[in-house]
Protein backbone atom coordinates (compact mmCIF):
# COMPACT_ATOMS: atom_id res chain seq x y z
CA UNK A 1 0.15 0.04 0.20
CA UNK A 2 1.63 3.52 -1.06
CA UNK A 3 2.43 5.57 2.21
CA UNK A 4 -0.17 8.29 0.91
CA UNK A 5 -2.85 6.03 1.65
CA UNK A 6 -2.11 5.45 5.01
CA UNK A 7 -3.31 7.04 8.25
CA UNK A 8 -1.04 6.91 11.01
CA UNK A 9 -1.93 7.51 14.82
CA UNK A 10 1.01 8.65 16.82
CA UNK A 11 2.01 9.77 20.53
CA UNK A 12 5.60 11.15 19.95
CA UNK A 13 7.26 13.85 18.08
CA UNK A 14 9.31 11.30 16.62
CA UNK A 15 6.69 9.30 15.04
CA UNK A 16 4.71 12.19 13.47
CA UNK A 17 7.73 13.48 12.22
CA UNK A 18 8.62 10.11 10.57
CA UNK A 19 4.94 9.48 9.21
CA UNK A 20 5.08 12.83 7.68
CA UNK A 21 8.50 12.13 6.07
CA UNK A 22 7.03 9.05 4.62
CA UNK A 23 4.10 10.93 3.22
CA UNK A 24 1.38 9.35 5.42
CA UNK A 25 -1.45 11.09 7.17
CA UNK A 26 -0.73 11.58 10.94
CA UNK A 27 -3.26 11.95 13.91
CA UNK A 28 -1.47 13.18 16.82
CA UNK A 29 -3.10 11.32 19.72
CA UNK A 30 -1.58 13.34 22.37
CA UNK A 31 -4.25 16.18 21.31
CA UNK A 32 -7.43 13.76 21.83
CA UNK A 33 -9.48 13.82 24.97
CA UNK A 34 -8.46 11.39 27.59
CA UNK A 35 -11.97 11.16 29.25
CA UNK A 36 -15.36 10.55 28.05
CA UNK A 37 -17.42 13.63 27.03
CA UNK A 38 -18.83 15.00 30.60
CA UNK A 39 -15.75 13.62 32.52
CA UNK A 40 -13.65 15.75 34.81
CA UNK A 41 -11.25 16.67 32.05
CA UNK A 42 -13.64 17.32 29.61
CA UNK A 43 -13.61 20.85 29.31
CA UNK A 44 -10.02 21.24 29.12
CA UNK A 45 -9.13 18.55 26.89
CA UNK A 46 -12.35 18.76 24.63
CA UNK A 47 -10.91 21.75 23.19
CA UNK A 48 -8.16 20.04 21.78
CA UNK A 49 -10.21 18.12 19.36
CA UNK A 50 -10.42 21.42 17.43
CA UNK A 51 -6.50 21.02 17.34
CA UNK A 52 -6.01 17.80 15.53
CA UNK A 53 -3.02 17.55 13.80
CA UNK A 54 -4.09 15.86 10.86
CA UNK A 55 -2.21 16.10 7.68
CA UNK A 56 0.23 14.91 5.08
CA UNK A 57 3.85 15.89 4.51
């Protein structure tokens, strides 16, 4: 499968950099909420959904 058709979920700067260098789409999971909607951290972490770093090289 060509790298341009891949979607990678990463949790480290090195992985994000490597995936982008390979031409893959990347979701930086560090920006996803860690609690269900309405949980104790939902307000602070829910905003992060708007900052998903999805993109390609």
